[in-house]
Amino acid sequence: MKLEKTALRLLALTGVALLFAATARAADMPPAAEEMAKTYGLDSWDQIEGLRYTWNAELPGAVKPFDGGAGTITISHKWEWDPKSGTITFEGKDMNGQPLKVTYKRSDASTQTDTVKTVVDPSFYNDQYWLLIPLHAIWDTSAKVTDEGQQKPSLDPQSTADLIAIKYSGDGGYTPGDTWDLYADSDHRIMEMDYHRGGPKKPSLVIVSWTGYKKAGPLLISTEHKGTADGAPFRMFFTDVSVKVSGSDNWVDAQ
C-alpha cells in the first residue's frame, strides 16, 4: 500500500529554502510576528548544532489519507538534522511501505535516488515546517506575513487572540498559495493554527490546537496538534525531540 507517497502528495507543505538570517525580513515584518518567532527561539537558532525528532500523524482515511473513507492511517518519520551542514538522516518507510533509512545532504538532494527526491526530501520540508512554523514566518521570503489583530479562534470562540497570517505566493513551493493562520496569545504562544490550502488537493482546511509545549534547549516546541481536516479527526504530534547546541556534544531532551 503506497501510503507514504500519497500522504506526502496531500500533506507536503510549502517547501521553501530555509533562511537563517532574520535581518533580511525585519523591515517589513509585523512586530507581533517577530515577537512570536523570538518566543520560539529565533534569536538562539545559530546555537543549534543538531535536531532530533519523530513526526507522527493520524490521518482520516480508509485506504489512503483523505479518501473519504472511515478509518485512521498512521505515519511516522524519524529525523536527525544538522542545520549548519545540511546533513539529514531519515528513518521511516519508502513509497511502497518498506522500511527505509537514508542519510544525505540537502545541497546534494538533486543527485540522490528518486526515493530521496520524491519521498524523503519533501517529507523533510513538511515535517520540519510543522516543527518550526513560527520561525518560518521570519525566514521564508516567499511568504507575506500580516498581523490581522485580535480575532476569535475557531476552537475557542469565547476567547480572542492575535491572528498572524502567513500567505505564500502562488508561484513557488509544494502547494503554492497556502495560508497559515496562527492565533497567538498574550505571551506570543500559538494556541491554534488554521491551514488553508491554496490548490484543489485535500485537505482544504486543517484546524488544530497548539499544545504540549516543551523546551528543547533554547527552542520552544509545541508537540501536540489535534483538530480536524475538512471536518474529519486529525492529529499530528512530535515525540523524541532533542537538540544539540554549540559547545556541547550532548543531546538535550525536550521537557
Foldseek 3Di string as FASTA:
>chain_A
DQAQLLCLLQQLDFFDDFALDLVVQVVQADPLLVLLLVLQPSVPVVFFQKKWWKKKKWAADDPYGPPPDGDTDIFIKTWMAGVVQQKIWIWGAFSVRHTDIDIDHPVCQVVDDPRSVRRVVSVVRRRVCLWRVSNCLRGGPQWDKDWPQWAAAPVGNVHIFTWIKIFGDQPHGSFHGKIKIFGAHPSSHTQKIWIATPDDRPQRIDIWGFAPWWDADSGIGRFWIWDDGVNHTIIMGMDQIWTDTPPDPDIGTTD
